[in-house]
Amino acid sequence: MILVGGENLIDFVQTGTPDGAALYQAIPGGSCYNCAIATARQGQDVTYMTPVSEDALGAMLEARLAQDNIALAAQRVSQPTSLAVVSLADGIPSYQFYREGTAERQISISN
């Protein structure tokens, strides 16, 4: 079994501006989160060690892991899911990250 720990978040990526308002698509991600999925797709047994939120976005993250039979080692927690927002201005991306006090930061020896 391979244990993976590290960030899990939702990438909100701007996909357009219908009627002048920015439209975003929610995509489960995070480098270590994606690494866990890639490893499982190579036929390895994988357990993800970082806490995932109990909120709706955390449910999206957990469901994506479950699709590749990845087990969660940590209990889900009440803190919100981390967010990365990718906005476009004249085709140039800008990035904002919202991670303070979030679920992925709730790592402890008891998780």
PDB file of N, CA and C in Angstrom:
ATOM      1  N   MET A   1       0.833  -1.173   0.000  1.00  0.00           N
ATOM      2  CA  MET A   1       0.000   0.000   0.000  1.00  0.00           C
ATOM      3  C   MET A   1       0.881   1.240   0.000  1.00  0.00           C
ATOM      4  N   ILE A   2       0.432   2.247  -0.723  1.00  0.00           N
ATOM      5  CA  ILE A   2       1.134   3.527  -0.783  1.00  0.00           C
ATOM      6  C   ILE A   2       0.285   4.562  -0.061  1.00  0.00           C
ATOM      7  N   LEU A   3       0.902   5.281   0.873  1.00  0.00           N
ATOM      8  CA  LEU A   3       0.236   6.358   1.605  1.00  0.00           C
ATOM      9  C   LEU A   3       0.613   7.686   0.982  1.00  0.00           C
ATOM     10  N   VAL A   4      -0.391   8.525   0.742  1.00  0.00           N
ATOM     11  CA  VAL A   4      -0.152   9.840   0.158  1.00  0.00           C
ATOM     12  C   VAL A   4      -0.773  10.886   1.071  1.00  0.00           C
ATOM     13  N   GLY A   5      -0.033  11.938   1.346  1.00  0.00           N
ATOM     14  CA  GLY A   5      -0.546  13.054   2.128  1.00  0.00           C
ATOM     15  C   GLY A   5      -0.168  14.353   1.456  1.00  0.00           C
ATOM     16  N   GLY A   6      -1.010  15.341   1.606  1.00  0.00           N
ATOM     17  CA  GLY A   6      -0.743  16.655   1.024  1.00  0.00           C
ATOM     18  C   GLY A   6      -2.026  17.345   0.636  1.00  0.00           C
ATOM     19  N   GLU A   7      -1.901  18.453  -0.049  1.00  0.00           N
ATOM     20  CA  GLU A   7      -3.058  19.310  -0.281  1.00  0.00           C
ATOM     21  C   GLU A   7      -4.159  18.654  -1.106  1.00  0.00           C
ATOM     22  N   ASN A   8      -5.385  19.011  -0.728  1.00  0.00           N
ATOM     23  CA  ASN A   8      -6.579  18.701  -1.515  1.00  0.00           C
ATOM     24  C   ASN A   8      -7.390  19.983  -1.539  1.00  0.00           C
ATOM     25  N   LEU A   9      -7.882  20.327  -2.702  1.00  0.00           N
ATOM     26  CA  LEU A   9      -8.612  21.582  -2.844  1.00  0.00           C
ATOM     27  C   LEU A   9      -9.519  21.523  -4.056  1.00  0.00           C
ATOM     28  N   ILE A  10     -10.324  22.530  -4.177  1.00  0.00           N
ATOM     29  CA  ILE A  10     -11.142  22.693  -5.377  1.00  0.00           C
ATOM     30  C   ILE A  10     -10.563  23.856  -6.164  1.00  0.00           C
ATOM     31  N   ASP A  11     -10.242  23.596  -7.429  1.00  0.00           N
ATOM     32  CA  ASP A  11      -9.823  24.641  -8.358  1.00  0.00           C
ATOM     33  C   ASP A  11     -11.089  25.208  -8.994  1.00  0.00           C
ATOM     34  N   PHE A  12     -11.341  26.488  -8.792  1.00  0.00           N
ATOM     35  CA  PHE A  12     -12.410  27.164  -9.513  1.00  0.00           C
ATOM     36  C   PHE A  12     -11.747  27.861 -10.691  1.00  0.00           C
ATOM     37  N   VAL A  13     -11.962  27.317 -11.890  1.00  0.00           N
ATOM     38  CA  VAL A  13     -11.295  27.800 -13.094  1.00  0.00           C
ATOM     39  C   VAL A  13     -12.311  28.546 -13.959  1.00  0.00           C
ATOM     40  N   GLN A  14     -11.989  29.776 -14.291  1.00  0.00           N
ATOM     41  CA  GLN A  14     -12.898  30.574 -15.112  1.00  0.00           C
ATOM     42  C   GLN A  14     -13.008  29.952 -16.496  1.00  0.00           C
ATOM     43  N   THR A  15     -14.247  29.736 -16.932  1.00  0.00           N
ATOM     44  CA  THR A  15     -14.478  29.108 -18.230  1.00  0.00           C
ATOM     45  C   THR A  15     -15.140  30.042 -19.235  1.00  0.00           C
ATOM     46  N   GLY A  16     -15.504  31.209 -18.797  1.00  0.00           N
ATOM     47  CA  GLY A  16     -16.132  32.151 -19.712  1.00  0.00           C
ATOM     48  C   GLY A  16     -16.705  33.343 -18.963  1.00  0.00           C
ATOM     49  N   THR A  17     -17.342  34.245 -19.734  1.00  0.00           N
ATOM     50  CA  THR A  17     -17.982  35.426 -19.144  1.00  0.00           C
ATOM     51  C   THR A  17     -19.320  35.695 -19.831  1.00  0.00           C
ATOM     52  N   PRO A  18     -20.261  34.761 -19.714  1.00  0.00           N
ATOM     53  CA  PRO A  18     -21.564  35.028 -20.319  1.00  0.00           C
ATOM     54  C   PRO A  18     -22.232  36.225 -19.640  1.00  0.00           C
ATOM     55  N   ASP A  19     -22.798  37.103 -20.409  1.00  0.00           N
ATOM     56  CA  ASP A  19     -23.474  38.302 -19.885  1.00  0.00           C
ATOM     57  C   ASP A  19     -22.547  39.156 -19.034  1.00  0.00           C
ATOM     58  N   GLY A  20     -21.234  39.047 -19.239  1.00  0.00           N
ATOM     59  CA  GLY A  20     -20.279  39.861 -18.512  1.00  0.00           C
ATOM     60  C   GLY A  20     -19.915  39.365 -17.121  1.00  0.00           C
ATOM     61  N   ALA A  21     -20.579  38.320 -16.644  1.00  0.00           N
ATOM     62  CA  ALA A  21     -20.270  37.762 -15.320  1.00  0.00           C
ATOM     63  C   ALA A  21     -19.362  36.546 -15.495  1.00  0.00           C
ATOM     64  N   ALA A  22     -18.328  36.465 -14.682  1.00  0.00           N
ATOM     65  CA  ALA A  22     -17.388  35.341 -14.772  1.00  0.00           C
ATOM     66  C   ALA A  22     -18.082  34.039 -14.394  1.00  0.00           C
ATOM     67  N   LEU A  23     -17.839  33.002 -15.173  1.00  0.00           N
ATOM     68  CA  LEU A  23     -18.370  31.667 -14.923  1.00  0.00           C
ATOM     69  C   LEU A  23     -17.192  30.760 -14.591  1.00  0.00           C
ATOM     70  N   TYR A  24     -17.317  29.980 -13.497  1.00  0.00           N
ATOM     71  CA  TYR A  24     -16.225  29.115 -13.041  1.00  0.00           C
ATOM     72  C   TYR A  24     -16.675  27.663 -12.987  1.00  0.00           C
ATOM     73  N   GLN A  25     -15.757  26.764 -13.260  1.00  0.00           N
ATOM     74  CA  GLN A  25     -15.990  25.329 -13.131  1.00  0.00           C
ATOM     75  C   GLN A  25     -15.198  24.832 -11.926  1.00  0.00           C
ATOM     76  N   ALA A  26     -15.840  24.019 -11.075  1.00  0.00           N
ATOM     77  CA  ALA A  26     -15.191  23.438  -9.897  1.00  0.00           C
ATOM     78  C   ALA A  26     -14.514  22.127 -10.295  1.00  0.00           C
ATOM     79  N   ILE A  27     -13.203  22.030 -10.025  1.00  0.00           N
ATOM     80  CA  ILE A  27     -12.430  20.848 -10.387  1.00  0.00           C
ATOM     81  C   ILE A  27     -11.652  20.367  -9.164  1.00  0.00           C
ATOM     82  N   PRO A  28     -11.884  19.118  -8.719  1.00  0.00           N
ATOM     83  CA  PRO A  28     -11.104  18.584  -7.595  1.00  0.00           C
ATOM     84  C   PRO A  28      -9.627  18.535  -7.966  1.00  0.00           C
ATOM     85  N   GLY A  29      -8.770  18.915  -7.020  1.00  0.00           N
ATOM     86  CA  GLY A  29      -7.351  18.912  -7.337  1.00  0.00           C
ATOM     87  C   GLY A  29      -6.447  19.071  -6.138  1.00  0.00           C
ATOM     88  N   GLY A  30      -5.237  19.475  -6.467  1.00  0.00           N
ATOM     89  CA  GLY A  30      -4.138  19.561  -5.515  1.00  0.00           C
ATOM     90  C   GLY A  30      -3.071  18.584  -5.978  1.00  0.00           C
ATOM     91  N   SER A  31      -1.832  18.985  -5.907  1.00  0.00           N
ATOM     92  CA  SER A  31      -0.745  18.172  -6.424  1.00  0.00           C
ATOM     93  C   SER A  31      -0.717  16.772  -5.818  1.00  0.00           C
ATOM     94  N   CYS A  32      -0.712  16.691  -4.503  1.00  0.00           N
ATOM     95  CA  CYS A  32      -0.636  15.380  -3.838  1.00  0.00           C
ATOM     96  C   CYS A  32      -1.913  14.573  -4.058  1.00  0.00           C
ATOM     97  N   TYR A  33      -3.041  15.251  -4.050  1.00  0.00           N
ATOM     98  CA  TYR A  33      -4.337  14.614  -4.330  1.00  0.00           C
ATOM     99  C   TYR A  33      -4.292  13.967  -5.719  1.00  0.00           C
ATOM    100  N   ASN A  34      -3.826  14.724  -6.705  1.00  0.00           N
ATOM    101  CA  ASN A  34      -3.724  14.191  -8.072  1.00  0.00           C
ATOM    102  C   ASN A  34      -2.705  13.063  -8.159  1.00  0.00           C
ATOM    103  N   CYS A  35      -1.638  13.156  -7.381  1.00  0.00           N
ATOM    104  CA  CYS A  35      -0.627  12.091  -7.349  1.00  0.00           C
ATOM    105  C   CYS A  35      -1.241  10.794  -6.818  1.00  0.00           C
ATOM    106  N   ALA A  36      -2.085  10.894  -5.800  1.00  0.00           N
ATOM    107  CA  ALA A  36      -2.754   9.704  -5.255  1.00  0.00           C
ATOM    108  C   ALA A  36      -3.605   9.035  -6.331  1.00  0.00           C
ATOM    109  N   ILE A  37      -4.330   9.843  -7.095  1.00  0.00           N
ATOM    110  CA  ILE A  37      -5.176   9.299  -8.161  1.00  0.00           C
ATOM    111  C   ILE A  37      -4.327   8.644  -9.246  1.00  0.00           C
ATOM    112  N   ALA A  38      -3.255   9.316  -9.662  1.00  0.00           N
ATOM    113  CA  ALA A  38      -2.383   8.751 -10.696  1.00  0.00           C
ATOM    114  C   ALA A  38      -1.757   7.443 -10.233  1.00  0.00           C
ATOM    115  N   THR A  39      -1.368   7.369  -8.978  1.00  0.00           N
ATOM    116  CA  THR A  39      -0.761   6.156  -8.437  1.00  0.00           C
ATOM    117  C   THR A  39      -1.771   5.014  -8.417  1.00  0.00           C
ATOM    118  N   ALA A  40      -2.999   5.310  -8.001  1.00  0.00           N
ATOM    119  CA  ALA A  40      -4.048   4.279  -7.984  1.00  0.00           C
ATOM    120  C   ALA A  40      -4.333   3.781  -9.403  1.00  0.00           C
ATOM    121  N   ARG A  41      -4.280   4.663 -10.366  1.00  0.00           N
ATOM    122  CA  ARG A  41      -4.532   4.267 -11.755  1.00  0.00           C
ATOM    123  C   ARG A  41      -3.423   3.388 -12.322  1.00  0.00           C
ATOM    124  N   GLN A  42      -2.294   3.337 -11.639  1.00  0.00           N
ATOM    125  CA  GLN A  42      -1.212   2.436 -12.021  1.00  0.00           C
ATOM    126  C   GLN A  42      -1.355   1.073 -11.350  1.00  0.00           C
ATOM    127  N   GLY A  43      -2.499   0.849 -10.691  1.00  0.00           N
ATOM    128  CA  GLY A  43      -2.788  -0.444 -10.099  1.00  0.00           C
ATOM    129  C   GLY A  43      -2.303  -0.620  -8.668  1.00  0.00           C
ATOM    130  N   GLN A  44      -1.899   0.463  -8.024  1.00  0.00           N
ATOM    131  CA  GLN A  44      -1.417   0.394  -6.651  1.00  0.00           C
ATOM    132  C   GLN A  44      -2.557   0.617  -5.660  1.00  0.00           C
ATOM    133  N   ASP A  45      -2.464  -0.013  -4.486  1.00  0.00           N
ATOM    134  CA  ASP A  45      -3.385   0.278  -3.392  1.00  0.00           C
ATOM    135  C   ASP A  45      -2.929   1.583  -2.762  1.00  0.00           C
ATOM    136  N   VAL A  46      -3.832   2.562  -2.693  1.00  0.00           N
ATOM    137  CA  VAL A  46      -3.480   3.893  -2.202  1.00  0.00           C
ATOM    138  C   VAL A  46      -4.421   4.290  -1.075  1.00  0.00           C
ATOM    139  N   THR A  47      -3.841   4.885  -0.041  1.00  0.00           N
ATOM    140  CA  THR A  47      -4.608   5.500   1.041  1.00  0.00           C
ATOM    141  C   THR A  47      -4.191   6.959   1.122  1.00  0.00           C
ATOM    142  N   TYR A  48      -5.180   7.857   1.180  1.00  0.00           N
ATOM    143  CA  TYR A  48      -4.943   9.293   1.255  1.00  0.00           C
ATOM    144  C   TYR A  48      -5.039   9.719   2.711  1.00  0.00           C
ATOM    145  N   MET A  49      -3.990  10.359   3.229  1.00  0.00           N
ATOM    146  CA  MET A  49      -3.857  10.604   4.657  1.00  0.00           C
ATOM    147  C   MET A  49      -4.317  11.985   5.128  1.00  0.00           C
ATOM    148  N   THR A  50      -4.483  12.941   4.263  1.00  0.00           N
ATOM    149  CA  THR A  50      -4.803  14.318   4.658  1.00  0.00           C
ATOM    150  C   THR A  50      -6.304  14.474   4.873  1.00  0.00           C
ATOM    151  N   PRO A  51      -6.707  15.189   5.936  1.00  0.00           N
ATOM    152  CA  PRO A  51      -8.139  15.388   6.175  1.00  0.00           C
ATOM    153  C   PRO A  51      -8.850  16.059   5.000  1.00  0.00           C
ATOM    154  N   VAL A  52     -10.089  15.654   4.798  1.00  0.00           N
ATOM    155  CA  VAL A  52     -10.971  16.212   3.776  1.00  0.00           C
ATOM    156  C   VAL A  52     -12.185  16.794   4.505  1.00  0.00           C
ATOM    157  N   SER A  53     -12.682  17.914   4.035  1.00  0.00           N
ATOM    158  CA  SER A  53     -13.805  18.588   4.682  1.00  0.00           C
ATOM    159  C   SER A  53     -15.100  17.777   4.599  1.00  0.00           C
ATOM    160  N   GLU A  54     -15.980  18.039   5.557  1.00  0.00           N
ATOM    161  CA  GLU A  54     -17.325  17.464   5.544  1.00  0.00           C
ATOM    162  C   GLU A  54     -18.270  18.263   4.654  1.00  0.00           C
ATOM    163  N   ASP A  55     -17.832  19.407   4.123  1.00  0.00           N
ATOM    164  CA  ASP A  55     -18.724  20.239   3.319  1.00  0.00           C
ATOM    165  C   ASP A  55     -18.976  19.619   1.938  1.00  0.00           C
ATOM    166  N   ALA A  56     -19.817  20.266   1.148  1.00  0.00           N
ATOM    167  CA  ALA A  56     -20.192  19.728  -0.169  1.00  0.00           C
ATOM    168  C   ALA A  56     -18.983  19.590  -1.095  1.00  0.00           C
ATOM    169  N   LEU A  57     -18.035  20.512  -1.007  1.00  0.00           N
ATOM    170  CA  LEU A  57     -16.846  20.411  -1.845  1.00  0.00           C
ATOM    171  C   LEU A  57     -15.953  19.261  -1.393  1.00  0.00           C
ATOM    172  N   GLY A  58     -15.908  19.019  -0.088  1.00  0.00           N
ATOM    173  CA  GLY A  58     -15.181  17.865   0.430  1.00  0.00           C
ATOM    174  C   GLY A  58     -15.804  16.568  -0.050  1.00  0.00           C
ATOM    175  N   ALA A  59     -17.132  16.554  -0.141  1.00  0.00           N
ATOM    176  CA  ALA A  59     -17.816  15.368  -0.663  1.00  0.00           C
ATOM    177  C   ALA A  59     -17.415  15.119  -2.113  1.00  0.00           C
ATOM    178  N   MET A  60     -17.224  16.196  -2.869  1.00  0.00           N
ATOM    179  CA  MET A  60     -16.771  16.066  -4.261  1.00  0.00           C
ATOM    180  C   MET A  60     -15.359  15.472  -4.302  1.00  0.00           C
ATOM    181  N   LEU A  61     -14.482  15.957  -3.404  1.00  0.00           N
ATOM    182  CA  LEU A  61     -13.115  15.431  -3.339  1.00  0.00           C
ATOM    183  C   LEU A  61     -13.121  13.951  -2.956  1.00  0.00           C
ATOM    184  N   GLU A  62     -13.916  13.601  -1.948  1.00  0.00           N
ATOM    185  CA  GLU A  62     -13.964  12.205  -1.504  1.00  0.00           C
ATOM    186  C   GLU A  62     -14.526  11.300  -2.604  1.00  0.00           C
ATOM    187  N   ALA A  63     -15.569  11.743  -3.274  1.00  0.00           N
ATOM    188  CA  ALA A  63     -16.178  10.934  -4.338  1.00  0.00           C
ATOM    189  C   ALA A  63     -15.177  10.668  -5.460  1.00  0.00           C
ATOM    190  N   ARG A  64     -14.360  11.667  -5.778  1.00  0.00           N
ATOM    191  CA  ARG A  64     -13.354  11.498  -6.831  1.00  0.00           C
ATOM    192  C   ARG A  64     -12.318  10.457  -6.429  1.00  0.00           C
ATOM    193  N   LEU A  65     -11.900  10.461  -5.153  1.00  0.00           N
ATOM    194  CA  LEU A  65     -10.969   9.439  -4.664  1.00  0.00           C
ATOM    195  C   LEU A  65     -11.605   8.059  -4.716  1.00  0.00           C
ATOM    196  N   ALA A  66     -12.865   7.981  -4.330  1.00  0.00           N
ATOM    197  CA  ALA A  66     -13.567   6.697  -4.297  1.00  0.00           C
ATOM    198  C   ALA A  66     -13.666   6.081  -5.694  1.00  0.00           C
ATOM    199  N   GLN A  67     -13.741   6.917  -6.729  1.00  0.00           N
ATOM    200  CA  GLN A  67     -13.812   6.396  -8.102  1.00  0.00           C
ATOM    201  C   GLN A  67     -12.600   5.534  -8.441  1.00  0.00           C
ATOM    202  N   ASP A  68     -11.472   5.823  -7.811  1.00  0.00           N
ATOM    203  CA  ASP A  68     -10.251   5.048  -8.057  1.00  0.00           C
ATOM    204  C   ASP A  68      -9.891   4.168  -6.865  1.00  0.00           C
ATOM    205  N   ASN A  69     -10.900   3.884  -6.017  1.00  0.00           N
ATOM    206  CA  ASN A  69     -10.732   2.978  -4.866  1.00  0.00           C
ATOM    207  C   ASN A  69      -9.641   3.431  -3.900  1.00  0.00           C
ATOM    208  N   ILE A  70      -9.530   4.728  -3.692  1.00  0.00           N
ATOM    209  CA  ILE A  70      -8.560   5.276  -2.745  1.00  0.00           C
ATOM    210  C   ILE A  70      -9.252   5.441  -1.395  1.00  0.00           C
ATOM    211  N   ALA A  71      -8.655   4.854  -0.367  1.00  0.00           N
ATOM    212  CA  ALA A  71      -9.206   4.926   0.985  1.00  0.00           C
ATOM    213  C   ALA A  71      -8.777   6.226   1.654  1.00  0.00           C
ATOM    214  N   LEU A  72      -9.638   6.738   2.553  1.00  0.00           N
ATOM    215  CA  LEU A  72      -9.288   7.888   3.378  1.00  0.00           C
ATOM    216  C   LEU A  72      -8.784   7.388   4.718  1.00  0.00           C
ATOM    217  N   ALA A  73      -7.600   7.835   5.136  1.00  0.00           N
ATOM    218  CA  ALA A  73      -7.060   7.428   6.434  1.00  0.00           C
ATOM    219  C   ALA A  73      -7.537   8.357   7.540  1.00  0.00           C
ATOM    220  N   ALA A  74      -7.718   9.634   7.252  1.00  0.00           N
ATOM    221  CA  ALA A  74      -8.110  10.625   8.256  1.00  0.00           C
ATOM    222  C   ALA A  74      -9.631  10.760   8.299  1.00  0.00           C
ATOM    223  N   GLN A  75     -10.132  11.120   9.470  1.00  0.00           N
ATOM    224  CA  GLN A  75     -11.549  11.438   9.599  1.00  0.00           C
ATOM    225  C   GLN A  75     -11.842  12.710   8.822  1.00  0.00           C
ATOM    226  N   ARG A  76     -13.037  12.812   8.256  1.00  0.00           N
ATOM    227  CA  ARG A  76     -13.436  14.070   7.634  1.00  0.00           C
ATOM    228  C   ARG A  76     -13.641  15.091   8.740  1.00  0.00           C
ATOM    229  N   VAL A  77     -13.381  16.360   8.443  1.00  0.00           N
ATOM    230  CA  VAL A  77     -13.408  17.414   9.452  1.00  0.00           C
ATOM    231  C   VAL A  77     -14.372  18.530   9.048  1.00  0.00           C
ATOM    232  N   SER A  78     -14.768  19.329  10.032  1.00  0.00           N
ATOM    233  CA  SER A  78     -15.783  20.355   9.792  1.00  0.00           C
ATOM    234  C   SER A  78     -15.240  21.614   9.116  1.00  0.00           C
ATOM    235  N   GLN A  79     -13.943  21.817   9.111  1.00  0.00           N
ATOM    236  CA  GLN A  79     -13.379  23.011   8.469  1.00  0.00           C
ATOM    237  C   GLN A  79     -13.650  22.969   6.968  1.00  0.00           C
ATOM    238  N   PRO A  80     -13.702  24.140   6.334  1.00  0.00           N
ATOM    239  CA  PRO A  80     -14.032  24.189   4.902  1.00  0.00           C
ATOM    240  C   PRO A  80     -12.917  23.654   4.008  1.00  0.00           C
ATOM    241  N   THR A  81     -13.293  23.354   2.789  1.00  0.00           N
ATOM    242  CA  THR A  81     -12.354  22.907   1.757  1.00  0.00           C
ATOM    243  C   THR A  81     -11.517  24.086   1.274  1.00  0.00           C
ATOM    244  N   SER A  82     -10.239  23.840   1.024  1.00  0.00           N
ATOM    245  CA  SER A  82      -9.354  24.856   0.437  1.00  0.00           C
ATOM    246  C   SER A  82      -9.796  25.151  -0.992  1.00  0.00           C
ATOM    247  N   LEU A  83      -9.571  26.402  -1.413  1.00  0.00           N
ATOM    248  CA  LEU A  83      -9.966  26.829  -2.751  1.00  0.00           C
ATOM    249  C   LEU A  83      -8.794  27.481  -3.476  1.00  0.00           C
ATOM    250  N   ALA A  84      -8.723  27.227  -4.766  1.00  0.00           N
ATOM    251  CA  ALA A  84      -7.828  27.947  -5.663  1.00  0.00           C
ATOM    252  C   ALA A  84      -8.712  28.521  -6.763  1.00  0.00           C
ATOM    253  N   VAL A  85      -8.619  29.819  -6.994  1.00  0.00           N
ATOM    254  CA  VAL A  85      -9.448  30.482  -7.995  1.00  0.00           C
ATOM    255  C   VAL A  85      -8.546  30.976  -9.116  1.00  0.00           C
ATOM    256  N   VAL A  86      -8.862  30.557 -10.332  1.00  0.00           N
ATOM    257  CA  VAL A  86      -8.098  30.961 -11.510  1.00  0.00           C
ATOM    258  C   VAL A  86      -9.011  31.828 -12.369  1.00  0.00           C
ATOM    259  N   SER A  87      -8.684  33.111 -12.436  1.00  0.00           N
ATOM    260  CA  SER A  87      -9.468  34.062 -13.221  1.00  0.00           C
ATOM    261  C   SER A  87      -8.660  34.501 -14.436  1.00  0.00           C
ATOM    262  N   LEU A  88      -9.368  34.909 -15.475  1.00  0.00           N
ATOM    263  CA  LEU A  88      -8.714  35.342 -16.710  1.00  0.00           C
ATOM    264  C   LEU A  88      -9.051  36.802 -17.001  1.00  0.00           C
ATOM    265  N   ALA A  89      -8.030  37.566 -17.359  1.00  0.00           N
ATOM    266  CA  ALA A  89      -8.222  38.944 -17.827  1.00  0.00           C
ATOM    267  C   ALA A  89      -7.414  39.075 -19.110  1.00  0.00           C
ATOM    268  N   ASP A  90      -8.118  39.253 -20.209  1.00  0.00           N
ATOM    269  CA  ASP A  90      -7.471  39.322 -21.523  1.00  0.00           C
ATOM    270  C   ASP A  90      -6.633  38.083 -21.797  1.00  0.00           C
ATOM    271  N   GLY A  91      -7.122  36.918 -21.354  1.00  0.00           N
ATOM    272  CA  GLY A  91      -6.444  35.648 -21.590  1.00  0.00           C
ATOM    273  C   GLY A  91      -5.292  35.359 -20.647  1.00  0.00           C
ATOM    274  N   ILE A  92      -5.032  36.251 -19.718  1.00  0.00           N
ATOM    275  CA  ILE A  92      -3.926  36.070 -18.773  1.00  0.00           C
ATOM    276  C   ILE A  92      -4.498  35.611 -17.430  1.00  0.00           C
ATOM    277  N   PRO A  93      -4.029  34.464 -16.933  1.00  0.00           N
ATOM    278  CA  PRO A  93      -4.578  33.959 -15.670  1.00  0.00           C
ATOM    279  C   PRO A  93      -4.004  34.682 -14.458  1.00  0.00           C
ATOM    280  N   SER A  94      -4.852  34.807 -13.439  1.00  0.00           N
ATOM    281  CA  SER A  94      -4.396  35.249 -12.119  1.00  0.00           C
ATOM    282  C   SER A  94      -4.924  34.228 -11.121  1.00  0.00           C
ATOM    283  N   TYR A  95      -4.221  34.085 -10.014  1.00  0.00           N
ATOM    284  CA  TYR A  95      -4.497  33.016  -9.063  1.00  0.00           C
ATOM    285  C   TYR A  95      -4.714  33.581  -7.663  1.00  0.00           C
ATOM    286  N   GLN A  96      -5.722  33.062  -6.983  1.00  0.00           N
ATOM    287  CA  GLN A  96      -5.958  33.361  -5.580  1.00  0.00           C
ATOM    288  C   GLN A  96      -6.122  32.030  -4.856  1.00  0.00           C
ATOM    289  N   PHE A  97      -5.543  31.939  -3.654  1.00  0.00           N
ATOM    290  CA  PHE A  97      -5.628  30.709  -2.867  1.00  0.00           C
ATOM    291  C   PHE A  97      -6.248  31.033  -1.517  1.00  0.00           C
ATOM    292  N   TYR A  98      -7.161  30.161  -1.080  1.00  0.00           N
ATOM    293  CA  TYR A  98      -7.846  30.314   0.196  1.00  0.00           C
ATOM    294  C   TYR A  98      -7.645  29.017   0.968  1.00  0.00           C
ATOM    295  N   ARG A  99      -6.643  29.030   1.880  1.00  0.00           N
ATOM    296  CA  ARG A  99      -6.256  27.790   2.556  1.00  0.00           C
ATOM    297  C   ARG A  99      -6.187  27.922   4.074  1.00  0.00           C
ATOM    298  N   GLU A 100      -6.200  29.114   4.615  1.00  0.00           N
ATOM    299  CA  GLU A 100      -6.043  29.269   6.061  1.00  0.00           C
ATOM    300  C   GLU A 100      -7.261  28.722   6.807  1.00  0.00           C
ATOM    301  N   GLY A 101      -7.004  27.878   7.798  1.00  0.00           N
ATOM    302  CA  GLY A 101      -8.076  27.318   8.618  1.00  0.00           C
ATOM    303  C   GLY A 101      -8.915  26.274   7.905  1.00  0.00           C
ATOM    304  N   THR A 102      -8.406  25.709   6.825  1.00  0.00           N
ATOM    305  CA  THR A 102      -9.176  24.756   6.036  1.00  0.00           C
ATOM    306  C   THR A 102      -8.900  23.315   6.464  1.00  0.00           C
ATOM    307  N   ALA A 103      -9.682  22.416   5.924  1.00  0.00           N
ATOM    308  CA  ALA A 103      -9.628  20.995   6.302  1.00  0.00           C
ATOM    309  C   ALA A 103      -8.244  20.399   6.101  1.00  0.00           C
ATOM    310  N   GLU A 104      -7.613  20.675   4.982  1.00  0.00           N
ATOM    311  CA  GLU A 104      -6.319  20.065   4.689  1.00  0.00           C
ATOM    312  C   GLU A 104      -5.230  20.506   5.664  1.00  0.00           C
ATOM    313  N   ARG A 105      -5.470  21.576   6.394  1.00  0.00           N
ATOM    314  CA  ARG A 105      -4.506  22.084   7.369  1.00  0.00           C
ATOM    315  C   ARG A 105      -4.690  21.461   8.758  1.00  0.00           C
ATOM    316  N   GLN A 106      -5.675  20.594   8.902  1.00  0.00           N
ATOM    317  CA  GLN A 106      -6.027  20.014  10.205  1.00  0.00           C
ATOM    318  C   GLN A 106      -5.316  18.684  10.439  1.00  0.00           C
ATOM    319  N   ILE A 107      -4.052  18.657  10.176  1.00  0.00           N
ATOM    320  CA  ILE A 107      -3.265  17.425  10.330  1.00  0.00           C
ATOM    321  C   ILE A 107      -2.813  17.317  11.784  1.00  0.00           C
ATOM    322  N   SER A 108      -3.044  16.160  12.356  1.00  0.00           N
ATOM    323  CA  SER A 108      -2.565  15.900  13.710  1.00  0.00           C
ATOM    324  C   SER A 108      -2.190  14.418  13.815  1.00  0.00           C
ATOM    325  N   ILE A 109      -1.509  14.078  14.851  1.00  0.00           N
ATOM    326  CA  ILE A 109      -1.086  12.694  15.054  1.00  0.00           C
ATOM    327  C   ILE A 109      -2.291  11.761  15.210  1.00  0.00           C
ATOM    328  N   SER A 110      -3.424  12.316  15.688  1.00  0.00           N
ATOM    329  CA  SER A 110      -4.610  11.485  15.924  1.00  0.00           C
ATOM    330  C   SER A 110      -5.449  11.281  14.676  1.00  0.00           C
ATOM    331  N   ASN A 111      -5.197  12.062  13.602  1.00  0.00           N
ATOM    332  CA  ASN A 111      -5.951  11.876  12.354  1.00  0.00           C
ATOM    333  C   ASN A 111      -5.456  10.627  11.728  1.00  0.00           C
TER     334      ASN A 111
END
